[in-house]
C-alpha atoms as a PDB file:
ATOM      1  CA  UNK A   1     103.742 102.888 110.535  1.00  0.00           C
ATOM      2  CA  UNK A   2     103.388  99.476 110.658  1.00  0.00           C
ATOM      3  CA  UNK A   3     104.662  96.839 112.656  1.00  0.00           C
ATOM      4  CA  UNK A   4     108.409  95.400 111.822  1.00  0.00           C
ATOM      5  CA  UNK A   5     107.129  92.102 111.102  1.00  0.00           C
ATOM      6  CA  UNK A   6     104.959  93.207 108.597  1.00  0.00           C
ATOM      7  CA  UNK A   7     107.565  95.658 107.071  1.00  0.00           C
ATOM      8  CA  UNK A   8     109.940  93.071 106.881  1.00  0.00           C
ATOM      9  CA  UNK A   9     107.589  90.588 105.296  1.00  0.00           C
ATOM     10  CA  UNK A  10     106.776  93.108 102.488  1.00  0.00           C
ATOM     11  CA  UNK A  11     110.535  93.919 102.136  1.00  0.00           C
ATOM     12  CA  UNK A  12     110.845  89.817 100.705  1.00  0.00           C
ATOM     13  CA  UNK A  13     109.100  91.317  97.650  1.00  0.00           C
ATOM     14  CA  UNK A  14     106.977  87.816  97.372  1.00  0.00           C
ATOM     15  CA  UNK A  15     103.531  88.431  96.360  1.00  0.00           C
ATOM     16  CA  UNK A  16     101.370  85.215  96.335  1.00  0.00           C
ATOM     17  CA  UNK A  17     101.257  83.443  93.081  1.00  0.00           C
ATOM     18  CA  UNK A  18      98.060  83.840  91.866  1.00  0.00           C
ATOM     19  CA  UNK A  19      97.967  87.765  93.016  1.00  0.00           C
ATOM     20  CA  UNK A  20     100.525  91.121  92.357  1.00  0.00           C
ATOM     21  CA  UNK A  21     101.957  93.305  94.735  1.00  0.00           C
ATOM     22  CA  UNK A  22     101.871  97.305  94.244  1.00  0.00           C
ATOM     23  CA  UNK A  23     104.477  99.064  96.309  1.00  0.00           C
ATOM     24  CA  UNK A  24     104.159 102.938  96.732  1.00  0.00           C
ATOM     25  CA  UNK A  25     107.089 104.680  97.719  1.00  0.00           C
ATOM     26  CA  UNK A  26     108.403 108.261  99.096  1.00  0.00           C
ATOM     27  CA  UNK A  27     112.517 108.005  99.797  1.00  0.00           C
ATOM     28  CA  UNK A  28     112.974 111.545  99.659  1.00  0.00           C
ATOM     29  CA  UNK A  29     112.940 114.148 102.378  1.00  0.00           C
ATOM     30  CA  UNK A  30     111.631 116.856 100.510  1.00  0.00           C
ATOM     31  CA  UNK A  31     108.287 117.445 102.030  1.00  0.00           C
ATOM     32  CA  UNK A  32     108.511 115.542 105.021  1.00  0.00           C
ATOM     33  CA  UNK A  33     105.275 117.163 106.786  1.00  0.00           C
ATOM     34  CA  UNK A  34     102.870 116.593 103.819  1.00  0.00           C
ATOM     35  CA  UNK A  35     100.926 113.838 104.263  1.00  0.00           C
ATOM     36  CA  UNK A  36      99.744 112.358 100.928  1.00  0.00           C
ATOM     37  CA  UNK A  37      96.519 110.456 100.177  1.00  0.00           C
ATOM     38  CA  UNK A  38      97.527 107.473  97.881  1.00  0.00           C
ATOM     39  CA  UNK A  39      94.161 105.616  96.770  1.00  0.00           C
ATOM     40  CA  UNK A  40      93.900 102.267  95.084  1.00  0.00           C
ATOM     41  CA  UNK A  41      91.123 101.715  92.529  1.00  0.00           C
ATOM     42  CA  UNK A  42      89.339 104.377  94.730  1.00  0.00           C
ATOM     43  CA  UNK A  43      90.048 103.207  98.478  1.00  0.00           C
ATOM     44  CA  UNK A  44      92.411 104.834 100.517  1.00  0.00           C
ATOM     45  CA  UNK A  45      95.534 102.737 101.013  1.00  0.00           C
ATOM     46  CA  UNK A  46      97.097 105.346 103.657  1.00  0.00           C
ATOM     47  CA  UNK A  47      98.573 108.503 103.690  1.00  0.00           C
ATOM     48  CA  UNK A  48     102.910 108.759 102.653  1.00  0.00           C
ATOM     49  CA  UNK A  49     105.051 110.356 104.575  1.00  0.00           C
ATOM     50  CA  UNK A  50     108.786 111.144 104.109  1.00  0.00           C
ATOM     51  CA  UNK A  51     110.797 107.916 104.140  1.00  0.00           C
ATOM     52  CA  UNK A  52     107.470 105.691 104.074  1.00  0.00           C
ATOM     53  CA  UNK A  53     105.710 102.986 101.789  1.00  0.00           C
ATOM     54  CA  UNK A  54     102.471 101.721 101.108  1.00  0.00           C
ATOM     55  CA  UNK A  55     102.062  97.707 100.079  1.00  0.00           C
ATOM     56  CA  UNK A  56      99.173  95.830  99.146  1.00  0.00           C
ATOM     57  CA  UNK A  57      98.354  92.375  97.222  1.00  0.00           C
ATOM     58  CA  UNK A  58      95.881  92.743  94.745  1.00  0.00           C
ATOM     59  CA  UNK A  59      94.331  90.337  91.817  1.00  0.00           C
ATOM     60  CA  UNK A  60      96.018  90.463  88.500  1.00  0.00           C
ATOM     61  CA  UNK A  61      94.711  92.930  86.186  1.00  0.00           C
ATOM     62  CA  UNK A  62      94.151  96.867  85.808  1.00  0.00           C
ATOM     63  CA  UNK A  63      94.277  99.149  88.517  1.00  0.00           C
ATOM     64  CA  UNK A  64      94.421 103.023  89.306  1.00  0.00           C
ATOM     65  CA  UNK A  65      96.509 104.733  91.849  1.00  0.00           C
ATOM     66  CA  UNK A  66      95.551 108.399  92.914  1.00  0.00           C
ATOM     67  CA  UNK A  67      97.537 110.448  95.171  1.00  0.00           C
ATOM     68  CA  UNK A  68      95.676 113.921  96.033  1.00  0.00           C
ATOM     69  CA  UNK A  69      97.775 116.573  96.893  1.00  0.00           C
ATOM     70  CA  UNK A  70      97.573 120.096  95.260  1.00  0.00           C
ATOM     71  CA  UNK A  71      96.968 117.771  91.773  1.00  0.00           C
ATOM     72  CA  UNK A  72      95.121 114.985  91.674  1.00  0.00           C
ATOM     73  CA  UNK A  73      97.696 112.360  90.231  1.00  0.00           C
ATOM     74  CA  UNK A  74      97.031 109.201  88.366  1.00  0.00           C
ATOM     75  CA  UNK A  75      98.801 106.345  87.287  1.00  0.00           C
ATOM     76  CA  UNK A  76      96.985 103.335  85.742  1.00  0.00           C
ATOM     77  CA  UNK A  77      98.908 100.040  86.375  1.00  0.00           C
ATOM     78  CA  UNK A  78      98.496  96.278  84.690  1.00  0.00           C
ATOM     79  CA  UNK A  79      99.570  93.535  87.097  1.00  0.00           C
ATOM     80  CA  UNK A  80     100.277  89.846  86.329  1.00  0.00           C
ATOM     81  CA  UNK A  81     100.540  87.147  88.753  1.00  0.00           C
ATOM     82  CA  UNK A  82     103.448  87.035  90.985  1.00  0.00           C
ATOM     83  CA  UNK A  83     104.895  90.076  89.948  1.00  0.00           C
ATOM     84  CA  UNK A  84     105.750  93.255  91.919  1.00  0.00           C
ATOM     85  CA  UNK A  85     104.677  96.929  90.479  1.00  0.00           C
ATOM     86  CA  UNK A  86     106.652  99.616  92.141  1.00  0.00           C
ATOM     87  CA  UNK A  87     105.571 103.539  92.351  1.00  0.00           C
ATOM     88  CA  UNK A  88     108.057 105.988  93.150  1.00  0.00           C
ATOM     89  CA  UNK A  89     106.004 109.193  94.382  1.00  0.00           C
ATOM     90  CA  UNK A  90     107.743 112.198  94.478  1.00  0.00           C
ATOM     91  CA  UNK A  91     106.276 115.738  96.145  1.00  0.00           C
ATOM     92  CA  UNK A  92     106.819 118.905  94.533  1.00  0.00           C
ATOM     93  CA  UNK A  93     106.791 121.982  94.935  1.00  0.00           C
ATOM     94  CA  UNK A  94     103.286 123.588  95.288  1.00  0.00           C
ATOM     95  CA  UNK A  95     100.941 127.041  95.397  1.00  0.00           C
ATOM     96  CA  UNK A  96      99.835 126.063  98.675  1.00  0.00           C
ATOM     97  CA  UNK A  97     100.658 122.659  99.527  1.00  0.00           C
ATOM     98  CA  UNK A  98     102.802 119.680  98.122  1.00  0.00           C
ATOM     99  CA  UNK A  99     102.150 118.149  94.470  1.00  0.00           C
ATOM    100  CA  UNK A 100     102.258 114.345  93.807  1.00  0.00           C
ATOM    101  CA  UNK A 101     104.524 112.940  91.304  1.00  0.00           C
ATOM    102  CA  UNK A 102     104.166 109.004  90.437  1.00  0.00           C
ATOM    103  CA  UNK A 103     106.340 107.166  88.243  1.00  0.00           C
ATOM    104  CA  UNK A 104     106.568 103.311  87.691  1.00  0.00           C
ATOM    105  CA  UNK A 105     110.346 101.994  88.069  1.00  0.00           C
ATOM    106  CA  UNK A 106     112.168  99.002  87.549  1.00  0.00           C
ATOM    107  CA  UNK A 107     112.031  96.710  90.183  1.00  0.00           C
ATOM    108  CA  UNK A 108     115.897  96.994  91.114  1.00  0.00           C
ATOM    109  CA  UNK A 109     115.202 100.443  91.649  1.00  0.00           C
ATOM    110  CA  UNK A 110     111.948 100.198  93.312  1.00  0.00           C
ATOM    111  CA  UNK A 111     113.411  97.447  95.698  1.00  0.00           C
ATOM    112  CA  UNK A 112     116.044  99.657  96.556  1.00  0.00           C
ATOM    113  CA  UNK A 113     113.635 102.552  97.117  1.00  0.00           C
ATOM    114  CA  UNK A 114     111.356 100.620  99.252  1.00  0.00           C
ATOM    115  CA  UNK A 115     114.190  99.250 101.469  1.00  0.00           C
ATOM    116  CA  UNK A 116     115.295 102.439 102.837  1.00  0.00           C
ATOM    117  CA  UNK A 117     111.486 103.387 103.794  1.00  0.00           C
ATOM    118  CA  UNK A 118     109.327 102.015 106.292  1.00  0.00           C
ATOM    119  CA  UNK A 119     105.744 100.416 105.710  1.00  0.00           C
ATOM    120  CA  UNK A 120     102.989 102.366 106.516  1.00  0.00           C
ATOM    121  CA  UNK A 121      99.672 100.600 107.691  1.00  0.00           C
ATOM    122  CA  UNK A 122      97.240 100.016 105.063  1.00  0.00           C
ATOM    123  CA  UNK A 123      93.596 101.690 105.313  1.00  0.00           C
ATOM    124  CA  UNK A 124      92.287  99.365 102.751  1.00  0.00           C
END
């Protein structure tokens, strides 16, 4: 997990005016032991676990978020300057390991979900 200062700063939900924020969060206990790798534009951002989230400021534009489990879940997003995108990740039952399901949610739902979680230190 990241330190509490970084977690608190990310939970202000205020990206730099010329950048965009991307949040990927898991606010559920199901699949708690599964560390799900998440990639942003082909680079590993980190691995989510139960009640965790990843955050990255990115230049505005098109981005690809990929989660690798039993399936490969791909989500394409377009970000705008000074705005955030919230992605809710759910772990679903798979045959051998968990499957990822990612959905874009609105700001209200996304902020509430992120507040339930702790920041994972980014690898990117």
